[in-house]
C-alpha atoms as a PDB file:
ATOM      1  CA  MET A   1      85.357  93.935 107.244  1.00  0.00           C
ATOM      2  CA  ILE A   2      88.207  93.164 109.392  1.00  0.00           C
ATOM      3  CA  TRP A   3      91.623  94.397 108.623  1.00  0.00           C
ATOM      4  CA  LEU A   4      94.647  92.829 110.663  1.00  0.00           C
ATOM      5  CA  PHE A   5      97.956  94.446 110.870  1.00  0.00           C
ATOM      6  CA  ALA A   6     101.199  93.666 112.474  1.00  0.00           C
ATOM      7  CA  GLY A   7     102.056  96.328 114.994  1.00  0.00           C
ATOM      8  CA  SER A   8     105.159  97.136 112.809  1.00  0.00           C
ATOM      9  CA  GLY A   9     103.134  97.495 109.704  1.00  0.00           C
ATOM     10  CA  LEU A  10     100.577  99.655 111.493  1.00  0.00           C
ATOM     11  CA  THR A  11     103.426 102.127 112.487  1.00  0.00           C
ATOM     12  CA  LYS A  12     104.669 102.273 108.737  1.00  0.00           C
ATOM     13  CA  LEU A  13     101.142 102.724 107.768  1.00  0.00           C
ATOM     14  CA  ALA A  14     100.768 105.704 110.264  1.00  0.00           C
ATOM     15  CA  LEU A  15     103.835 107.391 108.987  1.00  0.00           C
ATOM     16  CA  ALA A  16     103.124 107.273 105.313  1.00  0.00           C
ATOM     17  CA  ALA A  17     101.247 110.128 103.623  1.00  0.00           C
ATOM     18  CA  GLY A  18      97.626 109.692 104.225  1.00  0.00           C
ATOM     19  CA  GLY A  19      97.955 106.761 106.696  1.00  0.00           C
ATOM     20  CA  ALA A  20      97.351 108.682 109.973  1.00  0.00           C
ATOM     21  CA  ALA A  21      93.932 109.980 108.639  1.00  0.00           C
ATOM     22  CA  LEU A  22      92.902 106.453 107.949  1.00  0.00           C
ATOM     23  CA  LEU A  23      93.814 105.247 111.317  1.00  0.00           C
ATOM     24  CA  SER A  24      92.170 108.099 113.106  1.00  0.00           C
ATOM     25  CA  GLY A  25      89.009 107.795 110.757  1.00  0.00           C
ATOM     26  CA  PRO A  26      87.659 104.678 109.033  1.00  0.00           C
ATOM     27  CA  LEU A  27      90.002 102.347 110.679  1.00  0.00           C
ATOM     28  CA  ASN A  28      89.365 103.519 114.068  1.00  0.00           C
ATOM     29  CA  THR A  29      86.929 100.602 114.865  1.00  0.00           C
ATOM     30  CA  ALA A  30      86.883  97.278 116.566  1.00  0.00           C
ATOM     31  CA  GLN A  31      87.036  95.716 113.150  1.00  0.00           C
ATOM     32  CA  THR A  32      90.764  96.806 113.117  1.00  0.00           C
ATOM     33  CA  TRP A  33      92.812  94.070 114.687  1.00  0.00           C
ATOM     34  CA  VAL A  34      96.513  94.703 115.645  1.00  0.00           C
ATOM     35  CA  SER A  35      99.020  92.088 116.345  1.00  0.00           C
ATOM     36  CA  GLY A  36     101.646  93.446 118.756  1.00  0.00           C
ATOM     37  CA  GLN A  37     102.462  96.951 119.681  1.00  0.00           C
ATOM     38  CA  SER A  38     102.404 100.223 117.919  1.00  0.00           C
ATOM     39  CA  PRO A  39     101.981 103.690 119.225  1.00  0.00           C
ATOM     40  CA  TYR A  40      99.621 104.565 116.363  1.00  0.00           C
ATOM     41  CA  THR A  41      97.129 101.839 117.210  1.00  0.00           C
ATOM     42  CA  PRO A  42      93.633 103.326 116.754  1.00  0.00           C
ATOM     43  CA  SER A  43      91.765 103.624 120.266  1.00  0.00           C
ATOM     44  CA  ALA A  44      88.820 101.297 119.243  1.00  0.00           C
ATOM     45  CA  ALA A  45      91.141  98.732 117.663  1.00  0.00           C
ATOM     46  CA  ALA A  46      91.212  95.003 119.064  1.00  0.00           C
ATOM     47  CA  HIS A  47      94.643  94.100 120.480  1.00  0.00           C
ATOM     48  CA  LEU A  48      96.058  90.458 119.571  1.00  0.00           C
ATOM     49  CA  ALA A  49      99.373  88.908 120.774  1.00  0.00           C
ATOM     50  CA  SER A  50     101.356  86.761 118.321  1.00  0.00           C
ATOM     51  CA  THR A  51     103.688  83.935 118.386  1.00  0.00           C
ATOM     52  CA  THR A  52     105.617  81.558 116.025  1.00  0.00           C
ATOM     53  CA  ASN A  53     105.977  78.851 118.684  1.00  0.00           C
ATOM     54  CA  VAL A  54     103.233  77.170 120.582  1.00  0.00           C
ATOM     55  CA  ASP A  55     105.542  76.730 123.725  1.00  0.00           C
ATOM     56  CA  GLN A  56     105.259  80.655 124.177  1.00  0.00           C
ATOM     57  CA  LEU A  57     101.510  80.579 124.519  1.00  0.00           C
ATOM     58  CA  PRO A  58     101.475  80.317 128.393  1.00  0.00           C
ATOM     59  CA  ARG A  59     103.672  83.399 128.706  1.00  0.00           C
ATOM     60  CA  LEU A  60     101.329  85.600 126.480  1.00  0.00           C
ATOM     61  CA  PRO A  61      98.390  87.805 127.576  1.00  0.00           C
ATOM     62  CA  ALA A  62      95.083  86.025 128.042  1.00  0.00           C
ATOM     63  CA  VAL A  63      93.548  87.509 124.803  1.00  0.00           C
ATOM     64  CA  GLY A  64      93.266  86.539 121.102  1.00  0.00           C
ATOM     65  CA  VAL A  65      96.618  85.053 120.163  1.00  0.00           C
ATOM     66  CA  ILE A  66      98.051  84.663 116.581  1.00  0.00           C
ATOM     67  CA  VAL A  67      99.700  81.254 116.192  1.00  0.00           C
ATOM     68  CA  ASP A  68     101.952  81.785 113.041  1.00  0.00           C
ATOM     69  CA  LEU A  69     103.676  78.245 112.293  1.00  0.00           C
ATOM     70  CA  GLU A  70     105.831  78.137 109.166  1.00  0.00           C
ATOM     71  CA  ASP A  71     108.804  76.316 107.593  1.00  0.00           C
ATOM     72  CA  TRP A  72     111.279  78.769 109.021  1.00  0.00           C
ATOM     73  CA  PRO A  73     113.711  78.778 111.837  1.00  0.00           C
ATOM     74  CA  LEU A  74     111.214  80.742 114.222  1.00  0.00           C
ATOM     75  CA  THR A  75     109.014  77.733 114.531  1.00  0.00           C
ATOM     76  CA  PRO A  76     110.551  74.656 116.282  1.00  0.00           C
ATOM     77  CA  ALA A  77     110.953  71.847 113.666  1.00  0.00           C
ATOM     78  CA  SER A  78     108.724  69.594 115.747  1.00  0.00           C
ATOM     79  CA  GLN A  79     105.783  71.894 115.254  1.00  0.00           C
ATOM     80  CA  SER A  80     106.406  72.760 111.772  1.00  0.00           C
ATOM     81  CA  GLN A  81     106.780  68.911 110.818  1.00  0.00           C
ATOM     82  CA  ASP A  82     103.411  68.258 112.636  1.00  0.00           C
ATOM     83  CA  PRO A  83     101.361  71.513 112.530  1.00  0.00           C
ATOM     84  CA  VAL A  84      98.014  69.664 113.058  1.00  0.00           C
ATOM     85  CA  GLY A  85      99.453  68.323 116.278  1.00  0.00           C
ATOM     86  CA  ALA A  86     100.814  71.582 117.195  1.00  0.00           C
ATOM     87  CA  TYR A  87      97.573  73.438 116.540  1.00  0.00           C
ATOM     88  CA  ARG A  88      95.695  70.829 118.672  1.00  0.00           C
ATOM     89  CA  ARG A  89      98.031  71.676 121.543  1.00  0.00           C
ATOM     90  CA  ALA A  90      97.611  75.288 120.977  1.00  0.00           C
ATOM     91  CA  ALA A  91      94.076  75.030 121.372  1.00  0.00           C
ATOM     92  CA  GLU A  92      94.546  73.210 124.687  1.00  0.00           C
ATOM     93  CA  VAL A  93      96.909  75.617 126.042  1.00  0.00           C
ATOM     94  CA  GLY A  94      94.604  78.500 124.969  1.00  0.00           C
ATOM     95  CA  ARG A  95      91.509  76.800 126.714  1.00  0.00           C
ATOM     96  CA  ALA A  96      93.741  76.787 129.924  1.00  0.00           C
ATOM     97  CA  TYR A  97      94.731  80.354 129.515  1.00  0.00           C
ATOM     98  CA  HIS A  98      91.425  81.761 128.281  1.00  0.00           C
ATOM     99  CA  GLN A  99      93.082  82.575 124.917  1.00  0.00           C
ATOM    100  CA  TRP A 100      91.355  82.401 121.512  1.00  0.00           C
ATOM    101  CA  LEU A 101      93.358  81.263 118.737  1.00  0.00           C
ATOM    102  CA  LEU A 102      93.897  82.770 115.150  1.00  0.00           C
ATOM    103  CA  ALA A 103      95.716  80.154 113.034  1.00  0.00           C
ATOM    104  CA  THR A 104      97.688  81.309 110.325  1.00  0.00           C
ATOM    105  CA  PRO A 105      99.604  78.174 109.023  1.00  0.00           C
ATOM    106  CA  ALA A 106     101.850  78.966 106.053  1.00  0.00           C
ATOM    107  CA  THR A 107     101.515  77.101 102.846  1.00  0.00           C
ATOM    108  CA  ASP A 108     105.327  76.245 102.979  1.00  0.00           C
ATOM    109  CA  LEU A 109     104.508  73.959 105.881  1.00  0.00           C
ATOM    110  CA  VAL A 110     104.007  71.419 103.098  1.00  0.00           C
ATOM    111  CA  ARG A 111     107.802  71.049 102.774  1.00  0.00           C
ATOM    112  CA  SER A 112     108.158  70.491 106.442  1.00  0.00           C
ATOM    113  CA  VAL A 113     105.495  67.786 106.399  1.00  0.00           C
ATOM    114  CA  ASP A 114     106.997  66.098 103.594  1.00  0.00           C
ATOM    115  CA  PRO A 115     110.848  67.258 103.142  1.00  0.00           C
ATOM    116  CA  GLY A 116     111.007  65.493  99.976  1.00  0.00           C
ATOM    117  CA  TYR A 117     108.291  67.306  98.152  1.00  0.00           C
ATOM    118  CA  ARG A 118     109.480  69.430  95.272  1.00  0.00           C
ATOM    119  CA  GLY A 119     106.283  70.686  93.622  1.00  0.00           C
ATOM    120  CA  LYS A 120     104.083  73.544  93.864  1.00  0.00           C
ATOM    121  CA  ILE A 121     103.185  74.292  97.452  1.00  0.00           C
ATOM    122  CA  TYR A 122      99.732  75.818  97.117  1.00  0.00           C
ATOM    123  CA  PRO A 123      97.890  72.844  95.494  1.00  0.00           C
ATOM    124  CA  GLU A 124      99.836  70.528  97.827  1.00  0.00           C
ATOM    125  CA  PHE A 125      98.590  72.534 100.727  1.00  0.00           C
ATOM    126  CA  VAL A 126      94.816  72.030  99.475  1.00  0.00           C
ATOM    127  CA  ARG A 127      95.585  68.058  98.762  1.00  0.00           C
ATOM    128  CA  LEU A 128      96.932  67.699 102.061  1.00  0.00           C
ATOM    129  CA  ARG A 129      93.804  69.277 103.753  1.00  0.00           C
ATOM    130  CA  LEU A 130      95.931  71.058 106.190  1.00  0.00           C
ATOM    131  CA  ALA A 131      93.389  73.665 106.669  1.00  0.00           C
ATOM    132  CA  ALA A 132      90.575  71.244 107.241  1.00  0.00           C
ATOM    133  CA  ARG A 133      92.559  69.356 109.945  1.00  0.00           C
ATOM    134  CA  ILE A 134      93.654  72.654 111.647  1.00  0.00           C
ATOM    135  CA  ALA A 135      90.411  74.729 111.672  1.00  0.00           C
ATOM    136  CA  PRO A 136      88.665  72.800 114.292  1.00  0.00           C
ATOM    137  CA  TYR A 137      91.222  73.982 116.827  1.00  0.00           C
ATOM    138  CA  ALA A 138      91.006  77.875 115.931  1.00  0.00           C
ATOM    139  CA  SER A 139      88.541  80.541 116.487  1.00  0.00           C
ATOM    140  CA  VAL A 140      89.886  82.443 113.279  1.00  0.00           C
ATOM    141  CA  TYR A 141      91.654  81.170 110.351  1.00  0.00           C
ATOM    142  CA  GLU A 142      93.840  83.271 108.053  1.00  0.00           C
ATOM    143  CA  ILE A 143      94.660  81.961 104.641  1.00  0.00           C
ATOM    144  CA  GLN A 144      98.200  82.931 103.586  1.00  0.00           C
ATOM    145  CA  ALA A 145      97.385  83.349 100.101  1.00  0.00           C
ATOM    146  CA  GLN A 146      99.679  86.514  99.473  1.00  0.00           C
ATOM    147  CA  GLY A 147     102.142  84.639  97.287  1.00  0.00           C
ATOM    148  CA  LEU A 148      99.510  84.357  94.608  1.00  0.00           C
ATOM    149  CA  GLU A 149      98.024  87.819  94.842  1.00  0.00           C
ATOM    150  CA  ARG A 150      99.854  88.799  91.513  1.00  0.00           C
ATOM    151  CA  ASN A 151      97.454  86.600  89.800  1.00  0.00           C
ATOM    152  CA  PRO A 152      93.886  87.400  91.042  1.00  0.00           C
ATOM    153  CA  THR A 153      92.357  84.349  89.268  1.00  0.00           C
ATOM    154  CA  LEU A 154      94.764  81.828  90.957  1.00  0.00           C
ATOM    155  CA  TYR A 155      94.424  84.038  94.328  1.00  0.00           C
ATOM    156  CA  ARG A 156      90.664  83.484  94.178  1.00  0.00           C
ATOM    157  CA  SER A 157      90.862  79.948  93.533  1.00  0.00           C
ATOM    158  CA  PHE A 158      93.274  79.132  96.327  1.00  0.00           C
ATOM    159  CA  VAL A 159      91.097  81.249  98.787  1.00  0.00           C
ATOM    160  CA  ALA A 160      87.942  79.500  97.680  1.00  0.00           C
ATOM    161  CA  ASP A 161      89.322  76.023  98.112  1.00  0.00           C
ATOM    162  CA  VAL A 162      90.903  76.615 101.582  1.00  0.00           C
ATOM    163  CA  SER A 163      87.948  78.633 102.840  1.00  0.00           C
ATOM    164  CA  GLN A 164      85.616  75.718 101.881  1.00  0.00           C
ATOM    165  CA  GLN A 165      87.771  73.281 103.622  1.00  0.00           C
ATOM    166  CA  VAL A 166      88.015  75.418 106.743  1.00  0.00           C
ATOM    167  CA  ARG A 167      84.121  76.254 106.909  1.00  0.00           C
ATOM    168  CA  MET A 168      83.185  72.500 106.372  1.00  0.00           C
ATOM    169  CA  ALA A 169      85.657  71.470 109.270  1.00  0.00           C
ATOM    170  CA  HIS A 170      84.564  74.193 111.619  1.00  0.00           C
ATOM    171  CA  PRO A 171      81.134  75.669 110.635  1.00  0.00           C
ATOM    172  CA  GLY A 172      80.697  79.621 111.678  1.00  0.00           C
ATOM    173  CA  ILE A 173      84.580  80.003 111.956  1.00  0.00           C
ATOM    174  CA  ALA A 174      85.826  83.384 110.839  1.00  0.00           C
ATOM    175  CA  VAL A 175      88.122  83.443 107.737  1.00  0.00           C
ATOM    176  CA  LEU A 176      90.632  86.012 106.670  1.00  0.00           C
ATOM    177  CA  ALA A 177      92.883  86.105 103.580  1.00  0.00           C
ATOM    178  CA  GLY A 178      96.350  87.361 103.428  1.00  0.00           C
ATOM    179  CA  LEU A 179      97.480  90.317 101.371  1.00  0.00           C
ATOM    180  CA  SER A 180     100.864  91.909 101.053  1.00  0.00           C
ATOM    181  CA  THR A 181     102.257  95.252  99.531  1.00  0.00           C
ATOM    182  CA  ASN A 182     105.515  93.428  98.572  1.00  0.00           C
ATOM    183  CA  PRO A 183     105.669  89.809  98.884  1.00  0.00           C
ATOM    184  CA  GLY A 184     109.234  88.378  98.274  1.00  0.00           C
ATOM    185  CA  GLY A 185     110.462  92.056  98.088  1.00  0.00           C
ATOM    186  CA  HIS A 186     108.372  92.779  95.019  1.00  0.00           C
ATOM    187  CA  PRO A 187     105.919  95.555  95.094  1.00  0.00           C
ATOM    188  CA  VAL A 188     102.363  94.970  94.116  1.00  0.00           C
ATOM    189  CA  PRO A 189     100.208  97.764  92.607  1.00  0.00           C
ATOM    190  CA  ALA A 190      97.066  98.684  94.766  1.00  0.00           C
ATOM    191  CA  SER A 191      94.861  97.988  91.812  1.00  0.00           C
ATOM    192  CA  VAL A 192      95.845  94.391  91.782  1.00  0.00           C
ATOM    193  CA  LEU A 193      95.304  93.914  95.434  1.00  0.00           C
ATOM    194  CA  GLU A 194      91.867  95.790  94.904  1.00  0.00           C
ATOM    195  CA  ARG A 195      91.118  93.155  92.359  1.00  0.00           C
ATOM    196  CA  ASP A 196      91.972  90.175  94.648  1.00  0.00           C
ATOM    197  CA  ILE A 197      89.661  91.636  97.206  1.00  0.00           C
ATOM    198  CA  ALA A 198      86.835  92.251  94.631  1.00  0.00           C
ATOM    199  CA  LEU A 199      87.098  88.340  93.864  1.00  0.00           C
ATOM    200  CA  THR A 200      87.265  87.173  97.339  1.00  0.00           C
ATOM    201  CA  LYS A 201      85.538  89.392  99.730  1.00  0.00           C
ATOM    202  CA  GLY A 202      82.324  87.119  99.546  1.00  0.00           C
ATOM    203  CA  LEU A 203      84.710  84.214 100.736  1.00  0.00           C
ATOM    204  CA  VAL A 204      86.206  85.822 103.700  1.00  0.00           C
ATOM    205  CA  SER A 205      85.440  88.129 106.489  1.00  0.00           C
ATOM    206  CA  GLY A 206      88.547  90.397 106.048  1.00  0.00           C
ATOM    207  CA  TYR A 207      92.275  90.606 105.291  1.00  0.00           C
ATOM    208  CA  TRP A 208      95.634  90.736 107.040  1.00  0.00           C
ATOM    209  CA  LEU A 209      97.443  93.248 105.060  1.00  0.00           C
ATOM    210  CA  ASN A 210     101.098  92.924 105.369  1.00  0.00           C
ATOM    211  CA  ILE A 211     103.578  95.580 105.033  1.00  0.00           C
ATOM    212  CA  PRO A 212     106.874  93.831 105.191  1.00  0.00           C
ATOM    213  CA  GLN A 213     110.523  94.898 105.161  1.00  0.00           C
ATOM    214  CA  ALA A 214     113.616  92.872 105.209  1.00  0.00           C
ATOM    215  CA  GLY A 215     114.426  91.550 108.586  1.00  0.00           C
ATOM    216  CA  LYS A 216     114.829  88.255 110.588  1.00  0.00           C
ATOM    217  CA  ALA A 217     111.197  87.025 109.622  1.00  0.00           C
ATOM    218  CA  CYS A 218     111.586  87.917 105.814  1.00  0.00           C
ATOM    219  CA  PRO A 219     115.267  88.510 104.820  1.00  0.00           C
ATOM    220  CA  ARG A 220     114.102  88.789 101.173  1.00  0.00           C
ATOM    221  CA  CYS A 221     111.234  91.437 101.623  1.00  0.00           C
ATOM    222  CA  GLY A 222     113.371  94.484 100.659  1.00  0.00           C
ATOM    223  CA  GLN A 223     112.098  97.927 101.297  1.00  0.00           C
ATOM    224  CA  ALA A 224     108.538  98.421 102.909  1.00  0.00           C
ATOM    225  CA  HIS A 225     105.861 100.154 100.738  1.00  0.00           C
ATOM    226  CA  PRO A 226     103.374 101.364 103.118  1.00  0.00           C
ATOM    227  CA  GLU A 227     102.052 103.874 100.395  1.00  0.00           C
ATOM    228  CA  ILE A 228     100.499 100.832  98.488  1.00  0.00           C
ATOM    229  CA  ALA A 229      98.656  99.978 101.717  1.00  0.00           C
ATOM    230  CA  VAL A 230      97.288 103.574 101.930  1.00  0.00           C
ATOM    231  CA  ARG A 231      96.297 103.505  98.190  1.00  0.00           C
ATOM    232  CA  LEU A 232      94.473 100.184  98.673  1.00  0.00           C
ATOM    233  CA  LEU A 233      92.732 101.162 101.865  1.00  0.00           C
ATOM    234  CA  ASP A 234      91.658 104.275 100.364  1.00  0.00           C
ATOM    235  CA  ALA A 235      90.172 102.358  97.410  1.00  0.00           C
ATOM    236  CA  GLU A 236      88.377 100.019 100.005  1.00  0.00           C
ATOM    237  CA  LEU A 237      87.338 102.631 102.443  1.00  0.00           C
ATOM    238  CA  LYS A 238      86.755 105.708 100.290  1.00  0.00           C
ATOM    239  CA  GLY A 239      86.773 104.783  96.456  1.00  0.00           C
ATOM    240  CA  SER A 240      88.724 103.230  93.622  1.00  0.00           C
ATOM    241  CA  VAL A 241      92.260 103.846  92.981  1.00  0.00           C
ATOM    242  CA  SER A 242      92.435 102.219  89.599  1.00  0.00           C
ATOM    243  CA  ASP A 243      92.302 105.449  87.857  1.00  0.00           C
ATOM    244  CA  ARG A 244      94.664 107.485  89.947  1.00  0.00           C
ATOM    245  CA  GLU A 245      97.347 104.567  89.217  1.00  0.00           C
ATOM    246  CA  LYS A 246      96.680 104.812  85.514  1.00  0.00           C
ATOM    247  CA  GLY A 247      97.316 108.428  85.767  1.00  0.00           C
END
């Protein structure tokens, strides 16, 4: 299973109790992908660059690059309003610079595509078929489903819908799903995240495990909770945490 971490999240994980042992042990593998820099990156891990703006691609190293377009100030409005066109251009730039692309289009892009839309963003993302239209331009596609993770049934349904669109549009593409220790600043028990994985591991090749904290990219994320990530990774790599959380 692929585990993707932001470099900042990996550092938080390393400094949490039990985190360093995971990084020197079961996570010290090429199936661990790290976006950005961290002094704690395992020696065997794969390194990726990351950008929220397609215009920055020519300045990034000629390696795997995460292109994270969202409805936020970090992505130019012209790209968030036309994410399909932006990912098409990203693929063209990537080919010129020998970069392979990991597309992580946010579900909130539906608000950029249609500023008048006021309904629920997850079903609208599926209805607009944004994943199907973006997938042909990516080598890997990550489903930003973490906003649904508190409800494993809804989480599975969304991951299933999007992964089906992606694979029909780009057969053979690798698909990841997003998880977060504290989406929107609210911690989620590791046992709930464990259930999300149990329901979706047959649909995806791995997970982007976010360990956010309040900052420019996520002002409402609050305090980081790397201890949740440690418990979840212990569950997936060593055994179940459900009984420990009950105790």
